[in-house]
Amino acid sequence: MPQDQGEPGTTATARISIPDDGAEALFGSYDVNLKTLERLFGVQIRTDGTTLLADGPRPSLLALEGLVGQLAELVTHGYQLSQDDVRRAAELVRQDDGVRLSDFFVRATVKASSKRHIAPKSVNQRRYLEAIDSHDVVFGIGPAGTGKTYLAMAQAVAALTAKKVTRIILARPAVEAGEKLGFLPGDMQEKVNPYLRPLYDALYDMLDAERVDRLLERGTIEIAPLAFMRGRTLNEAFVVLDEAQNTTPEQMKMFLTRLGFGSKAVITGDITQIDLPAGRTSGLIEVMRIVEHVEGIAFIRFDGRDVVRHPLVQKIVEAYEAYAEGAPSGPLHRAGDMMDTESRPAQAAPALNDR
């Protein structure tokens, strides 16, 4: 336990024991993991054999002690810690000091295929996976890099592999991201493929290329622009609508009413990156207000803490969030203003799966 040093409320010192077989994994090469822990918890760490001597604020030391104890437990049970695992575990403890790391590193893995086992990397990501398991319609809303689409697709592939659904349908609105691409050659499929490329990339990352091609050829997995959904009823399907912030209200209503028996739908989007023409309302922003209290629908909202790409991406997302909150009104701040004036009432409501 931390021992007070000096005046109350200043700093304390903690001696944290580590099992002999866990020290090397926890410290990392050239103590790189300890440097990460120092930065994340705002403490100073020294080592004395298999003991950590840490100086810093008492709450930080208590959190660090709990983290090290849980990491040591994982190592004792045979889990191979990587440098990224230590950073990820520290972020989880900072988000929720009561978190059980085994729920993320051992029990919560999604077996998308024999090729890929995917685990949540934040508290919100775990809530997201749980919501998809327990709800027929789930909205994942948040910035780039938070795993919204990738985790939804992992759940879709896992459901198909387990024969819970008979097909996967992946859809995106074909909206240019702030650029005018002009005329695209080829047939209809070749024209829309550039818009759907990110979905193909994620799919090939989870399954062998030969199997993906076979499933696509049979129609077991279908990747199509949102416009192709009109007039269809989707039974026993796992449907993912990506980039939903670029749907119109009419398109969103059309999509949600396609859902048939035995189906699930996951809608993902980032309301700070709307590429619709000026003056058009995002269907995602509107639907957040309309169905937020409908039973059976869950909303999971991600933020910068959930970013799992390059560490700089998290900093960039946080910088944009800070700018949007403090930016003055005017034509140069349309995206920020839209987020402030239209999405905050919906964001203030808790996710339905928490009620």
Protein backbone atom coordinates (compact mmCIF):
# COMPACT_ATOMS: atom_id res chain seq x y z
CA MET A 1 0.00 0.00 0.00
CA PRO A 2 1.21 3.57 -0.65
CA GLN A 3 2.88 5.27 2.29
CA ASP A 4 2.49 9.04 2.71
CA GLN A 5 5.59 11.19 2.43
CA GLY A 6 5.60 14.82 3.56
CA GLU A 7 2.43 16.89 3.77
CA PRO A 8 -0.95 15.26 3.18
CA GLY A 9 -2.13 15.49 -0.41
CA THR A 10 1.37 15.75 -1.89
CA THR A 11 3.06 12.46 -2.82
CA ALA A 12 3.31 8.93 -1.49
CA THR A 13 5.56 5.93 -2.08
CA ALA A 14 4.45 2.40 -2.94
CA ARG A 15 6.35 -0.88 -2.96
CA ILE A 16 4.73 -3.23 -5.47
CA SER A 17 5.88 -6.84 -5.63
CA ILE A 18 6.08 -8.73 -8.91
CA PRO A 19 6.40 -12.53 -9.35
CA ASP A 20 9.83 -13.65 -10.56
CA ASP A 21 8.46 -15.04 -13.82
CA GLY A 22 6.49 -11.86 -14.56
CA ALA A 23 9.14 -9.17 -14.12
CA GLU A 24 10.68 -9.38 -17.59
CA ALA A 25 7.30 -9.28 -19.37
CA LEU A 26 6.05 -6.39 -17.26
CA PHE A 27 9.21 -4.29 -17.46
CA GLY A 28 9.61 -4.74 -21.21
CA SER A 29 12.75 -4.34 -23.29
CA TYR A 30 14.95 -1.62 -21.72
CA ASP A 31 12.11 -0.94 -19.22
CA VAL A 32 9.98 0.58 -21.99
CA ASN A 33 6.76 -0.56 -20.28
CA LEU A 34 7.73 1.14 -17.04
CA LYS A 35 8.25 4.40 -18.92
CA THR A 36 4.77 4.01 -20.40
CA LEU A 37 3.30 3.48 -16.92
CA GLU A 38 5.15 6.54 -15.60
CA ARG A 39 3.69 8.69 -18.37
CA LEU A 40 0.12 7.38 -18.09
CA PHE A 41 -0.13 7.48 -14.29
CA GLY A 42 2.03 10.53 -13.62
CA VAL A 43 4.40 8.69 -11.26
CA GLN A 44 8.12 7.94 -10.98
CA ILE A 45 9.14 4.27 -10.94
CA ARG A 46 12.34 2.59 -9.80
CA THR A 47 13.03 -1.13 -9.64
CA ASP A 48 14.59 -3.20 -6.89
CA GLY A 49 14.81 -6.73 -8.23
CA THR A 50 11.21 -7.89 -8.52
CA THR A 51 9.83 -4.89 -6.65
CA LEU A 52 8.62 -1.62 -8.10
CA LEU A 53 9.22 1.52 -6.05
CA ALA A 54 6.79 4.18 -7.24
CA ASP A 55 6.42 7.80 -6.12
CA GLY A 56 3.40 9.92 -6.95
CA PRO A 57 -0.15 10.90 -5.95
CA ARG A 58 -1.89 8.32 -3.80
CA PRO A 59 -4.80 7.66 -6.25
CA SER A 60 -2.32 7.04 -9.07
CA LEU A 61 -0.30 4.65 -6.93
CA LEU A 62 -3.40 2.70 -5.92
CA ALA A 63 -4.41 2.39 -9.59
CA LEU A 64 -0.87 1.36 -10.57
CA GLU A 65 -0.76 -1.25 -7.80
CA GLY A 66 -4.05 -2.74 -8.98
CA LEU A 67 -2.86 -2.77 -12.59
CA VAL A 68 0.44 -4.49 -11.81
CA GLY A 69 -1.35 -7.10 -9.68
CA GLN A 70 -3.74 -7.96 -12.50
CA LEU A 71 -0.98 -8.05 -15.12
CA ALA A 72 1.08 -10.35 -12.90
CA GLU A 73 -1.97 -12.62 -12.60
CA LEU A 74 -2.31 -12.78 -16.37
CA VAL A 75 1.37 -13.68 -16.78
CA THR A 76 1.12 -16.33 -14.05
CA HIS A 77 -1.72 -17.97 -16.02
CA GLY A 78 0.37 -18.08 -19.19
CA TYR A 79 -0.69 -14.91 -21.01
CA GLN A 80 2.15 -13.47 -23.11
CA LEU A 81 2.21 -9.72 -22.49
CA SER A 82 3.30 -7.41 -25.28
CA GLN A 83 4.28 -3.75 -24.99
CA ASP A 84 0.92 -2.80 -26.51
CA ASP A 85 -0.89 -5.02 -23.97
CA VAL A 86 0.65 -3.10 -21.07
CA ARG A 87 -0.32 0.27 -22.57
CA ARG A 88 -3.80 -0.97 -23.36
CA ALA A 89 -4.24 -2.40 -19.85
CA ALA A 90 -3.13 0.88 -18.30
CA GLU A 91 -5.65 2.80 -20.43
CA LEU A 92 -8.41 0.42 -19.32
CA VAL A 93 -7.59 0.91 -15.65
CA ARG A 94 -7.54 4.69 -16.12
CA GLN A 95 -11.00 4.54 -17.71
CA ASP A 96 -12.42 2.29 -14.99
CA ASP A 97 -10.45 1.49 -11.83
CA GLY A 98 -12.78 -1.48 -11.16
CA VAL A 99 -12.10 -3.15 -14.51
CA ARG A 100 -11.13 -6.83 -14.66
CA LEU A 101 -8.40 -7.16 -17.26
CA SER A 102 -9.09 -10.87 -17.73
CA ASP A 103 -12.49 -9.89 -19.18
CA PHE A 104 -10.65 -8.09 -21.99
CA PHE A 105 -7.55 -10.21 -22.53
CA VAL A 106 -9.01 -13.69 -22.03
CA ARG A 107 -12.81 -13.95 -21.93
CA ALA A 108 -14.04 -11.28 -24.33
CA THR A 109 -12.29 -12.49 -27.48
CA VAL A 110 -14.42 -12.61 -30.64
CA LYS A 111 -13.46 -15.62 -32.76
CA ALA A 112 -14.11 -14.18 -36.18
CA SER A 113 -12.33 -17.13 -37.77
CA SER A 114 -9.43 -19.47 -37.20
CA LYS A 115 -7.33 -16.69 -38.70
CA ARG A 116 -8.41 -13.87 -36.39
CA HIS A 117 -9.33 -13.66 -32.72
CA ILE A 118 -10.34 -10.10 -31.87
CA ALA A 119 -10.57 -8.63 -28.38
CA PRO A 120 -11.94 -5.26 -27.21
CA LYS A 121 -9.29 -2.69 -26.36
CA SER A 122 -11.37 -0.25 -24.32
CA VAL A 123 -14.32 -0.25 -21.95
CA ASN A 124 -16.59 1.17 -24.64
CA GLN A 125 -15.47 -1.46 -27.14
CA ARG A 126 -16.44 -4.20 -24.70
CA ARG A 127 -19.84 -2.54 -24.09
CA TYR A 128 -20.24 -2.37 -27.87
CA LEU A 129 -19.64 -6.10 -28.33
CA GLU A 130 -22.00 -6.91 -25.45
CA ALA A 131 -24.66 -4.64 -26.97
CA ILE A 132 -24.38 -6.40 -30.33
CA ASP A 133 -24.83 -9.75 -28.59
CA SER A 134 -27.93 -8.63 -26.71
CA HIS A 135 -29.67 -6.23 -29.12
CA ASP A 136 -31.00 -6.54 -32.66
CA VAL A 137 -30.11 -2.96 -33.61
CA VAL A 138 -26.97 -1.21 -32.34
CA PHE A 139 -25.59 2.22 -33.19
CA GLY A 140 -21.84 2.74 -32.79
CA ILE A 141 -21.11 6.47 -32.93
CA GLY A 142 -17.70 8.07 -32.58
CA PRO A 143 -14.48 9.26 -34.24
CA ALA A 144 -12.19 7.44 -36.63
CA GLY A 145 -10.01 4.65 -35.31
CA THR A 146 -12.28 3.50 -32.48
CA GLY A 147 -12.99 0.08 -34.03
CA LYS A 148 -16.68 0.69 -34.71
CA THR A 149 -16.80 -0.97 -38.11
CA TYR A 150 -14.05 -3.53 -37.55
CA LEU A 151 -15.64 -4.95 -34.40
CA ALA A 152 -19.08 -5.02 -36.03
CA MET A 153 -17.66 -6.97 -38.96
CA ALA A 154 -15.86 -9.33 -36.59
CA GLN A 155 -19.17 -10.05 -34.88
CA ALA A 156 -20.81 -10.55 -38.27
CA VAL A 157 -18.18 -13.06 -39.39
CA ALA A 158 -18.37 -14.86 -36.04
CA ALA A 159 -22.18 -15.08 -36.34
CA LEU A 160 -21.90 -16.48 -39.87
CA THR A 161 -19.26 -19.02 -38.82
CA ALA A 162 -21.46 -20.14 -35.91
CA LYS A 163 -24.46 -20.40 -38.30
CA LYS A 164 -26.45 -17.83 -36.32
CA VAL A 165 -27.12 -16.03 -39.60
CA THR A 166 -27.09 -17.25 -43.19
CA ARG A 167 -25.50 -14.18 -44.77
CA ILE A 168 -23.67 -10.92 -44.14
CA ILE A 169 -24.61 -7.68 -45.85
CA LEU A 170 -22.22 -4.73 -45.65
CA ALA A 171 -23.46 -1.39 -46.91
CA ARG A 172 -22.19 2.17 -47.28
CA PRO A 173 -23.70 5.32 -48.75
CA ALA A 174 -21.77 6.24 -51.91
CA VAL A 175 -20.85 9.79 -50.93
CA GLU A 176 -17.60 11.47 -51.92
CA ALA A 177 -15.50 12.55 -48.93
CA GLY A 178 -15.15 16.24 -49.77
CA GLU A 179 -13.75 15.56 -53.24
CA LYS A 180 -15.29 15.47 -56.70
CA LEU A 181 -14.08 12.26 -58.33
CA GLY A 182 -15.82 12.91 -61.63
CA PHE A 183 -16.72 10.16 -64.08
CA LEU A 184 -15.69 6.64 -63.03
CA PRO A 185 -15.31 4.03 -65.80
CA GLY A 186 -16.71 0.50 -65.73
CA ASP A 187 -19.99 -1.18 -64.84
CA MET A 188 -22.08 -0.32 -61.76
CA GLN A 189 -20.08 -2.57 -59.40
CA GLU A 190 -16.78 -1.12 -60.59
CA LYS A 191 -18.11 2.41 -60.10
CA VAL A 192 -19.11 1.85 -56.45
CA ASN A 193 -16.18 -0.38 -55.42
CA PRO A 194 -13.94 2.59 -54.45
CA TYR A 195 -16.53 3.64 -51.86
CA LEU A 196 -16.71 0.09 -50.45
CA ARG A 197 -12.96 -0.64 -50.41
CA PRO A 198 -12.58 -0.22 -46.60
CA LEU A 199 -15.16 -2.98 -46.04
CA TYR A 200 -13.28 -5.32 -48.37
CA ASP A 201 -10.02 -4.55 -46.56
CA ALA A 202 -11.46 -5.46 -43.16
CA LEU A 203 -13.02 -8.64 -44.55
CA TYR A 204 -9.75 -9.85 -46.07
CA ASP A 205 -8.02 -9.10 -42.78
CA MET A 206 -10.33 -11.53 -40.95
CA LEU A 207 -10.67 -14.36 -43.46
CA ASP A 208 -8.46 -16.10 -45.99
CA ALA A 209 -8.65 -14.38 -49.37
CA GLU A 210 -9.81 -17.58 -51.08
CA ARG A 211 -12.68 -18.01 -48.63
CA VAL A 212 -13.72 -14.36 -48.93
CA ASP A 213 -13.82 -14.64 -52.73
CA ARG A 214 -15.89 -17.84 -52.48
CA LEU A 215 -18.39 -16.30 -50.04
CA LEU A 216 -18.69 -13.16 -52.18
CA GLU A 217 -19.24 -15.23 -55.31
CA ARG A 218 -22.02 -17.24 -53.64
CA GLY A 219 -23.66 -14.10 -52.26
CA THR A 220 -23.21 -15.30 -48.67
CA ILE A 221 -21.36 -12.04 -48.10
CA GLU A 222 -22.67 -9.04 -50.01
CA ILE A 223 -20.99 -5.64 -50.12
CA ALA A 224 -23.16 -3.00 -51.72
CA PRO A 225 -23.99 0.71 -51.72
CA LEU A 226 -26.91 1.65 -49.50
CA ALA A 227 -29.12 2.48 -52.48
CA PHE A 228 -29.18 -1.23 -53.37
CA MET A 229 -31.09 -1.99 -50.14
CA ARG A 230 -34.35 -0.37 -51.25
CA GLY A 231 -37.28 -2.77 -51.61
CA ARG A 232 -35.55 -5.69 -49.90
CA THR A 233 -36.41 -7.61 -46.73
CA LEU A 234 -33.31 -8.99 -45.01
CA ASN A 235 -34.06 -12.19 -43.07
CA GLU A 236 -31.45 -14.17 -41.09
CA ALA A 237 -28.81 -11.63 -42.01
CA PHE A 238 -26.16 -9.67 -40.13
CA VAL A 239 -26.28 -6.21 -41.68
CA VAL A 240 -23.63 -3.52 -41.13
CA LEU A 241 -24.21 0.04 -42.33
CA ASP A 242 -20.94 1.95 -42.30
CA GLU A 243 -20.40 5.73 -42.63
CA ALA A 244 -24.03 6.25 -41.62
CA GLN A 245 -23.42 9.96 -40.99
CA ASN A 246 -23.61 10.33 -44.78
CA THR A 247 -27.12 8.92 -45.07
CA THR A 248 -30.11 11.17 -45.60
CA PRO A 249 -33.09 10.82 -43.22
CA GLU A 250 -34.99 8.99 -45.98
CA GLN A 251 -32.13 6.53 -46.52
CA MET A 252 -31.80 5.84 -42.80
CA LYS A 253 -35.53 5.10 -42.46
CA MET A 254 -35.37 2.88 -45.53
CA PHE A 255 -32.42 0.93 -44.13
CA LEU A 256 -33.89 0.36 -40.66
CA THR A 257 -37.16 -0.90 -42.11
CA ARG A 258 -35.34 -3.56 -44.19
CA LEU A 259 -34.63 -5.68 -41.10
CA GLY A 260 -36.34 -9.07 -41.20
CA PHE A 261 -36.71 -12.06 -38.89
CA GLY A 262 -33.57 -13.44 -37.28
CA SER A 263 -31.48 -10.46 -38.35
CA LYS A 264 -29.18 -7.99 -36.63
CA ALA A 265 -28.16 -4.53 -37.77
CA VAL A 266 -25.18 -2.47 -36.66
CA ILE A 267 -25.01 1.16 -37.78
CA THR A 268 -21.71 2.99 -37.45
CA GLY A 269 -20.80 6.60 -38.08
CA ASP A 270 -18.92 9.72 -37.05
CA ILE A 271 -21.13 12.81 -36.85
CA THR A 272 -18.07 15.09 -37.00
CA GLN A 273 -17.24 13.91 -40.55
CA ILE A 274 -20.41 14.51 -42.56
CA ASP A 275 -19.84 14.74 -46.32
CA LEU A 276 -23.42 15.50 -47.37
CA PRO A 277 -24.04 18.68 -49.40
CA ALA A 278 -24.52 21.84 -47.34
CA GLY A 279 -28.02 22.13 -45.95
CA ARG A 280 -28.75 18.39 -45.94
CA THR A 281 -29.52 16.81 -42.56
CA SER A 282 -27.64 13.66 -41.62
CA GLY A 283 -29.91 10.66 -41.21
CA LEU A 284 -27.70 9.46 -38.35
CA ILE A 285 -28.17 12.66 -36.36
CA GLU A 286 -31.92 12.59 -36.90
CA VAL A 287 -32.36 8.91 -36.02
CA MET A 288 -30.47 9.40 -32.75
CA ARG A 289 -33.34 11.59 -31.61
CA ILE A 290 -36.14 9.46 -33.03
CA VAL A 291 -35.31 5.95 -31.78
CA GLU A 292 -33.14 6.56 -28.71
CA HIS A 293 -35.90 5.29 -26.40
CA VAL A 294 -37.05 2.36 -28.54
CA GLU A 295 -36.64 -0.92 -26.68
CA GLY A 296 -34.25 -3.33 -28.38
CA ILE A 297 -32.01 -0.60 -29.77
CA ALA A 298 -28.67 0.29 -28.16
CA PHE A 299 -26.45 3.34 -28.62
CA ILE A 300 -22.73 3.08 -27.85
CA ARG A 301 -20.76 6.33 -28.06
CA PHE A 302 -17.00 6.28 -28.53
CA ASP A 303 -14.48 9.06 -27.88
CA GLY A 304 -10.76 9.70 -28.18
CA ARG A 305 -9.94 7.22 -25.41
CA ASP A 306 -11.21 4.39 -27.63
CA VAL A 307 -8.90 5.13 -30.58
CA VAL A 308 -6.81 2.04 -31.30
CA ARG A 309 -4.74 3.24 -34.25
CA HIS A 310 -1.38 5.00 -34.10
CA PRO A 311 -1.09 6.92 -30.79
CA LEU A 312 -1.02 10.18 -32.73
CA VAL A 313 -4.54 9.47 -34.04
CA GLN A 314 -5.88 9.67 -30.49
CA LYS A 315 -4.17 13.02 -29.98
CA ILE A 316 -5.52 14.30 -33.30
CA VAL A 317 -9.08 13.25 -32.40
CA GLU A 318 -8.80 14.93 -29.00
CA ALA A 319 -7.44 18.10 -30.61
CA TYR A 320 -10.39 18.24 -33.02
CA GLU A 321 -12.85 17.63 -30.16
CA ALA A 322 -11.31 20.49 -28.16
CA TYR A 323 -11.40 22.76 -31.19
CA ALA A 324 -15.05 21.94 -31.92
CA GLU A 325 -16.06 22.71 -28.33
CA GLY A 326 -14.28 26.08 -28.31
CA ALA A 327 -14.65 27.19 -31.91
CA PRO A 328 -16.69 30.36 -32.62
CA SER A 329 -19.76 30.08 -34.80
CA GLY A 330 -19.45 30.88 -38.48
CA PRO A 331 -19.23 29.28 -41.91
CA LEU A 332 -15.71 27.96 -41.31
CA HIS A 333 -16.92 25.76 -38.45
CA ARG A 334 -19.90 23.97 -39.98
CA ALA A 335 -18.90 20.45 -38.83
CA GLY A 336 -18.20 21.57 -35.28
CA ASP A 337 -21.39 23.62 -35.14
CA MET A 338 -23.43 20.69 -36.42
CA MET A 339 -22.05 18.48 -33.68
CA ASP A 340 -22.74 21.07 -31.00
CA THR A 341 -26.24 22.11 -32.00
CA GLU A 342 -27.66 18.84 -33.26
CA SER A 343 -25.98 15.91 -31.56
CA ARG A 344 -25.47 16.95 -27.97
CA PRO A 345 -29.08 16.42 -26.83
CA ALA A 346 -28.92 12.86 -28.11
CA GLN A 347 -25.45 12.27 -26.72
CA ALA A 348 -26.60 13.28 -23.26
CA ALA A 349 -28.97 10.30 -23.12
CA PRO A 350 -27.42 7.10 -21.70
CA ALA A 351 -27.05 4.05 -23.89
CA LEU A 352 -30.15 1.87 -23.73
CA ASN A 353 -28.21 -1.22 -22.80
CA ASP A 354 -27.14 0.54 -19.59
CA ARG A 355 -30.68 1.20 -18.42
